[in-house]
Protein backbone atom coordinates (compact mmCIF):
# COMPACT_ATOMS: atom_id res chain seq x y z
CA MET A 1 15.63 -1.45 29.80
CA ARG A 2 14.72 -2.23 26.04
CA ILE A 3 10.99 -2.67 26.20
CA THR A 4 10.25 0.00 22.97
CA GLU A 5 12.90 -1.43 21.44
CA HIS A 6 11.39 -4.99 21.43
CA ILE A 7 7.74 -3.43 20.98
CA THR A 8 8.99 -1.47 17.47
CA THR A 9 10.78 -4.87 16.59
CA LEU A 10 7.13 -7.06 17.08
CA LEU A 11 5.08 -3.92 15.59
CA TYR A 12 6.80 -5.36 12.01
CA ARG A 13 5.41 -8.82 12.61
CA TYR A 14 2.37 -8.58 14.23
CA GLU A 15 -0.99 -6.67 14.21
CA CYS A 16 -1.74 -6.76 17.88
CA VAL A 17 1.17 -6.14 20.64
CA VAL A 18 -0.25 -6.28 24.06
CA ILE A 19 1.73 -4.37 27.01
CA PRO A 20 0.32 -6.71 30.25
CA LYS A 21 -1.66 -4.31 32.16
CA PHE A 22 -1.36 -1.19 29.88
CA GLY A 23 -3.08 -2.02 26.35
CA ALA A 24 -2.09 -2.78 22.94
CA PHE A 25 -0.75 -1.48 19.77
CA LEU A 26 -2.77 -2.53 16.90
CA THR A 27 -1.35 -1.82 12.97
CA GLN A 28 -3.64 -1.28 10.00
CA ARG A 29 -2.55 -1.78 6.79
CA LYS A 30 -3.00 1.81 3.88
CA PRO A 31 -2.78 1.37 0.31
CA ALA A 32 -0.31 3.70 -1.35
CA GLN A 33 -2.45 7.44 -2.02
CA ILE A 34 -2.05 9.73 -4.93
CA HIS A 35 -2.89 13.55 -3.59
CA GLU A 36 -4.72 15.00 -6.24
CA THR A 37 -4.12 18.73 -5.19
CA SER A 38 -0.17 18.07 -4.05
CA GLN A 39 0.53 15.32 -6.52
CA VAL A 40 2.22 13.30 -3.74
CA PHE A 41 2.22 9.76 -3.99
CA GLU A 42 2.53 8.02 -0.79
CA PRO A 43 3.91 4.53 -0.73
CA PRO A 44 1.71 1.67 1.09
CA GLN A 45 2.05 2.08 4.78
CA LYS A 46 1.13 0.42 8.15
CA THR A 47 -0.56 2.89 10.58
CA VAL A 48 -0.39 2.26 14.59
CA SER A 49 -2.98 3.03 17.01
CA PHE A 50 -3.56 2.25 20.73
CA ASN A 51 -6.72 0.33 22.55
CA ARG A 52 -6.28 0.45 26.24
CA GLN A 53 -9.01 -2.49 26.99
CA LEU A 54 -6.72 -4.46 25.18
CA LYS A 55 -4.63 -5.59 28.53
CA ASP A 56 -4.51 -8.93 29.13
CA ASN A 57 -1.11 -10.90 28.17
CA ASP A 58 -1.29 -13.03 25.49
CA GLY A 59 2.52 -13.83 26.19
CA VAL A 60 3.91 -12.79 22.96
CA LEU A 61 5.81 -9.71 24.24
CA ALA A 62 7.00 -11.55 27.05
CA ASN A 63 8.05 -14.37 25.43
CA TYR A 64 10.12 -12.63 22.99
CA VAL A 65 11.79 -10.21 25.37
CA ALA A 66 12.93 -13.68 27.64
CA GLN A 67 14.04 -15.24 24.72
CA VAL A 68 16.23 -12.12 23.21
CA GLU A 69 17.64 -11.03 27.02
CA GLY A 70 18.43 -14.89 28.07
CA ILE A 71 15.87 -14.28 31.24
CA SER A 72 12.54 -16.43 32.51
CA TYR A 73 9.43 -15.58 31.68
CA GLU A 74 8.46 -14.92 35.26
CA GLN A 75 11.45 -11.97 35.52
CA SER A 76 10.33 -10.62 31.45
CA LEU A 77 7.07 -10.29 32.82
CA LYS A 78 8.59 -8.27 35.87
CA ASN A 79 10.45 -6.41 33.79
CA ILE A 80 7.31 -5.33 31.41
CA TYR A 81 4.78 -4.42 34.74
CA VAL A 82 8.28 -2.06 35.98
CA PHE A 83 8.14 -0.38 32.43
CA VAL A 84 4.07 -0.45 32.82
CA GLU A 85 4.83 1.49 35.86
CA ASN A 86 7.14 4.05 35.10
CA ILE A 87 4.65 5.10 32.25
CA THR A 88 1.80 5.30 34.49
CA GLU A 89 4.42 7.58 37.16
CA THR A 90 5.44 9.65 34.14
CA LEU A 91 1.75 10.77 32.84
CA ASP A 92 1.26 11.09 36.19
CA SER A 93 3.59 13.36 37.12
CA GLN A 94 4.65 15.51 33.71
CA ARG A 95 1.08 14.44 31.48
CA GLN A 96 3.08 12.60 28.67
CA VAL A 97 5.15 10.01 27.83
CA GLN A 98 7.03 9.72 24.27
CA LEU A 99 8.08 5.75 22.46
CA ASN A 100 10.57 6.49 20.35
CA GLY A 101 9.42 5.56 16.81
CA ILE A 102 6.09 4.88 18.31
CA GLY A 103 4.36 7.38 19.53
CA ARG A 104 3.12 9.70 22.36
CA PHE A 105 1.43 9.48 25.39
CA PHE A 106 -0.32 12.43 26.98
CA LYS A 107 -2.85 12.74 29.78
CA GLN A 108 -6.05 14.58 29.44
CA GLY A 109 -8.13 14.54 32.88
CA ASP A 110 -8.33 11.22 34.00
CA LYS A 111 -8.03 9.45 30.12
CA ILE A 112 -4.91 8.32 28.33
CA LEU A 113 -4.44 9.24 24.52
CA PHE A 114 -1.86 8.08 21.72
CA GLN A 115 -0.78 9.91 19.33
CA ALA A 116 1.09 7.83 16.83
CA ASP A 117 4.45 8.72 14.99
CA LEU A 118 3.72 9.74 11.59
CA HIS A 119 7.23 9.07 10.21
CA SER A 120 7.10 5.65 11.12
CA ASN A 121 6.05 3.06 8.91
CA TYR A 122 5.54 -0.70 9.94
CA LEU A 123 5.21 -2.49 6.68
CA LEU A 124 7.55 -4.71 5.56
CA GLU A 125 6.87 -4.70 1.76
CA ALA A 126 6.94 -0.60 1.71
CA PHE A 127 10.10 -0.47 3.61
CA GLY A 128 13.35 2.03 3.10
CA THR A 129 10.09 4.02 0.46
CA THR A 130 9.37 7.45 0.45
CA SER A 131 6.83 9.57 -0.40
CA PHE A 132 7.65 11.79 -3.77
CA THR A 133 5.70 14.83 -5.58
CA SER A 134 5.26 14.13 -9.33
CA GLU A 135 5.87 16.83 -12.15
CA LYS A 136 2.31 18.74 -12.62
CA ILE A 137 0.51 17.82 -15.71
CA GLY A 138 -0.47 21.52 -17.84
CA ARG A 139 -4.37 20.66 -19.90
CA LYS A 140 -5.19 22.73 -22.10
CA SER A 141 -9.53 22.98 -23.50
CA ALA A 142 -10.12 21.36 -26.21
CA SER A 143 -12.70 23.08 -26.86
CA LYS A 144 -11.26 26.54 -26.95
CA GLU A 145 -8.57 25.27 -30.33
CA ILE A 146 -11.96 23.46 -32.11
CA GLY A 147 -13.57 27.09 -31.24
CA SER A 148 -10.78 29.14 -33.25
CA SER A 149 -10.47 26.33 -35.89
CA VAL A 150 -14.13 26.30 -36.55
CA LYS A 151 -13.50 30.47 -36.89
CA GLU A 152 -10.77 30.47 -38.99
CA ASN A 153 -12.30 27.84 -41.00
CA SER A 154 -15.49 29.61 -41.24
CA ALA A 155 -13.60 32.90 -42.35
CA SER A 156 -11.72 30.86 -45.11
CA LYS A 157 -14.64 29.27 -46.60
CA GLU A 158 -16.68 33.13 -46.88
CA ILE A 159 -14.12 34.94 -48.52
CA PRO A 160 -14.25 33.04 -52.47
CA ILE A 161 -17.99 33.49 -51.74
CA THR A 162 -18.32 37.38 -51.19
CA ALA A 163 -15.49 37.64 -54.12
CA ALA A 164 -17.65 35.47 -56.77
CA ARG A 165 -20.83 38.22 -55.53
CA GLU A 166 -19.31 41.04 -56.43
CA THR A 167 -16.84 39.98 -59.25
CA LYS A 168 -20.51 37.78 -60.91
CA PRO A 169 -23.49 39.92 -59.69
CA ASP A 170 -25.34 39.21 -63.26
CA ASP A 171 -23.58 35.64 -63.96
CA ASP A 172 -26.77 33.24 -64.80
CA ALA A 173 -24.90 30.68 -63.24
CA TRP A 174 -25.14 32.13 -59.36
CA THR A 175 -28.39 30.73 -58.48
CA LYS A 176 -29.39 30.52 -54.71
CA PRO A 177 -29.29 26.58 -54.58
CA SER A 178 -26.05 26.45 -55.80
CA TYR A 179 -24.86 28.78 -52.66
CA TRP A 180 -26.24 26.83 -50.38
CA LYS A 181 -24.76 23.79 -51.53
CA TYR A 182 -20.97 25.05 -51.53
CA ALA A 183 -22.21 26.28 -47.57
CA ALA A 184 -23.08 22.94 -46.63
CA VAL A 185 -20.20 21.43 -48.00
CA GLY A 186 -17.97 24.23 -45.56
CA VAL A 187 -20.30 23.24 -42.47
CA ILE A 188 -19.66 19.63 -43.29
CA ALA A 189 -15.46 20.04 -43.77
CA ILE A 190 -15.83 22.31 -40.71
CA GLY A 191 -17.34 19.75 -38.58
CA ILE A 192 -15.23 17.25 -39.81
CA GLY A 193 -11.72 18.78 -39.04
CA GLY A 194 -13.32 20.07 -35.61
CA LEU A 195 -14.23 16.55 -34.84
CA LEU A 196 -10.45 15.13 -35.70
CA THR A 197 -8.72 17.52 -33.75
CA ALA A 198 -10.99 17.14 -30.34
CA ASN A 199 -9.79 13.49 -30.44
CA TRP A 200 -6.01 13.74 -31.26
CA TYR A 201 -5.99 16.26 -28.58
CA SER A 202 -7.83 14.11 -26.35
CA SER A 203 -6.05 10.79 -27.47
CA LYS A 204 -2.41 12.97 -26.56
CA ILE A 205 -3.55 14.20 -23.16
CA GLU A 206 -4.53 10.21 -22.11
CA THR A 207 -1.21 9.14 -23.27
CA HIS A 208 0.83 11.93 -21.03
CA ASN A 209 -1.29 11.08 -18.07
CA LEU A 210 -0.63 7.11 -18.20
CA ALA A 211 2.88 7.74 -19.39
CA ALA A 212 2.91 9.48 -15.93
CA GLN A 213 0.98 7.41 -13.93
CA GLN A 214 3.43 4.12 -14.81
CA LYS A 215 6.44 6.11 -14.59
CA ALA A 216 5.38 6.98 -10.59
CA GLU A 217 4.27 3.25 -10.15
CA THR A 218 7.64 2.14 -11.63
CA GLN A 219 9.43 4.23 -9.34
CA ILE A 220 7.47 2.78 -6.13
CA GLU A 221 8.11 -0.95 -7.37
CA GLN A 222 11.73 0.05 -7.40
CA LYS A 223 12.21 1.45 -3.99
CA ILE A 224 9.79 -1.60 -2.85
CA GLN A 225 12.32 -4.85 -4.26
CA GLU A 226 15.42 -2.67 -3.28
CA ALA A 227 14.93 -2.31 -0.09
CA THR A 228 16.00 -4.92 2.44
CA PHE A 229 14.93 -5.77 6.39
CA ILE A 230 16.85 -7.99 8.90
CA MET A 231 16.05 -9.01 11.85
CA ASP A 232 18.49 -11.74 13.22
CA ALA A 233 16.24 -11.61 16.88
CA PRO A 234 15.00 -15.13 17.54
CA LEU A 235 11.39 -16.20 18.09
CA PRO A 236 10.67 -17.18 20.80
CA GLU A 237 8.94 -20.51 21.81
CA VAL A 238 5.79 -21.62 22.72
CA THR A 239 3.71 -25.06 23.03
CA LEU A 240 0.04 -25.24 22.26
CA ASN A 241 -1.81 -27.75 20.86
CA VAL A 242 -3.67 -26.12 17.36
CA SER A 243 -5.84 -27.67 15.36
CA ALA A 244 -5.15 -26.09 11.47
CA LYS A 245 -8.14 -24.06 9.82
CA ARG A 246 -7.35 -22.39 6.37
CA GLY A 247 -8.16 -18.64 6.59
CA LYS A 248 -5.87 -15.50 5.98
CA TYR A 249 -2.80 -16.14 8.51
CA HIS A 250 -0.62 -18.13 6.58
CA ILE A 251 2.83 -19.95 7.69
CA VAL A 252 5.23 -19.88 4.40
CA ALA A 253 7.61 -21.72 4.58
CA GLY A 254 9.21 -20.91 1.43
CA ALA A 255 9.28 -18.82 -1.57
CA PHE A 256 10.87 -20.25 -5.07
CA ARG A 257 12.12 -18.69 -8.12
CA GLN A 258 11.47 -22.08 -9.70
CA LYS A 259 7.90 -23.52 -9.67
CA GLU A 260 9.78 -26.54 -9.67
CA ASN A 261 11.30 -26.01 -6.27
CA ALA A 262 8.40 -24.94 -4.85
CA GLU A 263 6.46 -28.35 -5.62
CA LYS A 264 9.53 -30.48 -4.77
CA LYS A 265 8.94 -28.22 -1.03
CA LEU A 266 5.48 -29.31 -0.90
CA ARG A 267 6.17 -33.19 -1.14
CA GLU A 268 8.92 -32.74 1.41
CA LEU A 269 6.04 -31.05 3.74
CA ARG A 270 3.59 -33.25 3.24
CA ASN A 271 6.07 -36.14 3.66
CA ASN A 272 7.06 -34.75 6.76
CA GLY A 273 4.60 -34.51 8.67
CA PHE A 274 2.24 -31.55 7.55
CA PRO A 275 -0.88 -32.84 5.23
CA ASP A 276 -2.37 -29.45 4.81
CA ALA A 277 0.83 -27.46 3.06
CA LYS A 278 -0.09 -25.80 0.14
CA TYR A 279 1.19 -24.31 -3.07
CA ILE A 280 -0.23 -20.73 -2.71
CA GLY A 281 0.71 -19.46 -6.22
CA GLU A 282 3.29 -16.42 -7.27
CA ASN A 283 3.83 -12.91 -5.15
CA ARG A 284 4.64 -9.62 -7.35
CA TYR A 285 7.99 -10.45 -7.51
CA GLY A 286 8.15 -13.63 -9.38
CA LEU A 287 8.40 -15.88 -6.51
CA HIS A 288 6.54 -18.69 -5.99
CA GLN A 289 5.44 -19.99 -2.67
CA VAL A 290 4.59 -22.66 0.03
CA ILE A 291 3.02 -22.64 3.03
CA TYR A 292 3.25 -24.93 6.32
CA ASP A 293 -0.88 -24.25 6.94
CA SER A 294 -3.55 -21.54 6.72
CA PHE A 295 -5.21 -19.89 10.04
CA GLU A 296 -8.00 -17.97 10.96
CA ASN A 297 -6.69 -16.90 14.42
CA ARG A 298 -3.72 -14.90 14.47
CA ARG A 299 -2.93 -16.23 17.91
CA LYS A 300 -3.34 -19.39 16.80
CA ALA A 301 -1.29 -18.96 13.88
CA LEU A 302 1.68 -17.21 15.89
CA HIS A 303 1.89 -20.15 18.24
CA GLU A 304 2.09 -22.55 15.48
CA LEU A 305 5.44 -19.96 13.79
CA TYR A 306 7.37 -20.43 17.25
CA ARG A 307 6.69 -24.63 17.09
CA ILE A 308 7.99 -24.55 13.30
CA LYS A 309 10.62 -22.18 13.48
CA ASN A 310 12.01 -24.00 16.56
CA ASN A 311 11.61 -27.04 15.40
CA ASN A 312 11.34 -27.36 11.42
CA ASN A 313 12.19 -24.11 9.68
CA SER A 314 14.18 -21.06 11.79
CA GLY A 315 13.70 -19.12 8.00
CA ALA A 316 9.69 -19.53 8.42
CA TRP A 317 7.39 -16.61 8.53
CA LEU A 318 3.99 -15.30 9.25
CA PHE A 319 1.97 -14.15 5.68
CA VAL A 320 -1.45 -12.38 6.22
CA LYS A 321 -3.84 -12.16 3.41
CA ASN A 322 -7.00 -13.27 2.12
CA LEU A 323 -6.32 -15.72 -0.60
């Protein structure tokens, strides 16, 4: 039985995959992270958790299995129920079950717990990316250099004054006011020199830090753009009358390099019975995106996506973002 493989495929596409009579896998997006101590850069990812309370069949897994394996919906449900029975029996006898690429179920008393596979990342935008370690930036204390500079400058200023006293002790030109005048000039020169040194050193550190951060962001961006992900498995057909509402779930009709092509596609959609079609702007890769509609409810968005893929555009996909 390939139920585990089908669940893995659906986790890349959806935020919730329900296994009827057993529970649901939920996904959550996490942004890229930088660990300050280890200097490790982690790419963005979509992690998996499990909720035993969500057991009602929403039709997503059953329809997908039926479509991909070429069997009836009823037979698909039977196969899923057999899969659930096998998991339950294995947990009772061996206390744990491993689902490759997803995680591990194990029993503690009467409770069934889940531990996700930490090496799996179900975020399509980050497919193929890995973590990497940046070289640690060495920093010196600017205050120490300023202090040493002050001492050196102070020493250089004290020598001529001492020499003047030793060589001309009775000179009428050597007076107390004149001494303080030269001492004040020396202090001002030392202060200006120390300030310039501190500003130059601080600017150098900031430039170095900015260059390292830009280098790390460029590496992540290049890996994301070079990654590809192909899914040839068709989506199942579900017919349901829905009422369109604006929300964060968007059905994308296409993404175009030229904005003129996006505007042409938008006019075509509206002329073909999609009055809520909309241009949502340019994405991070410079592509102009056009959507059929937006929804507040994920399940309604999925049902509408199935209908569009089977009747209008097999290349449509679901895009989740608050616009």
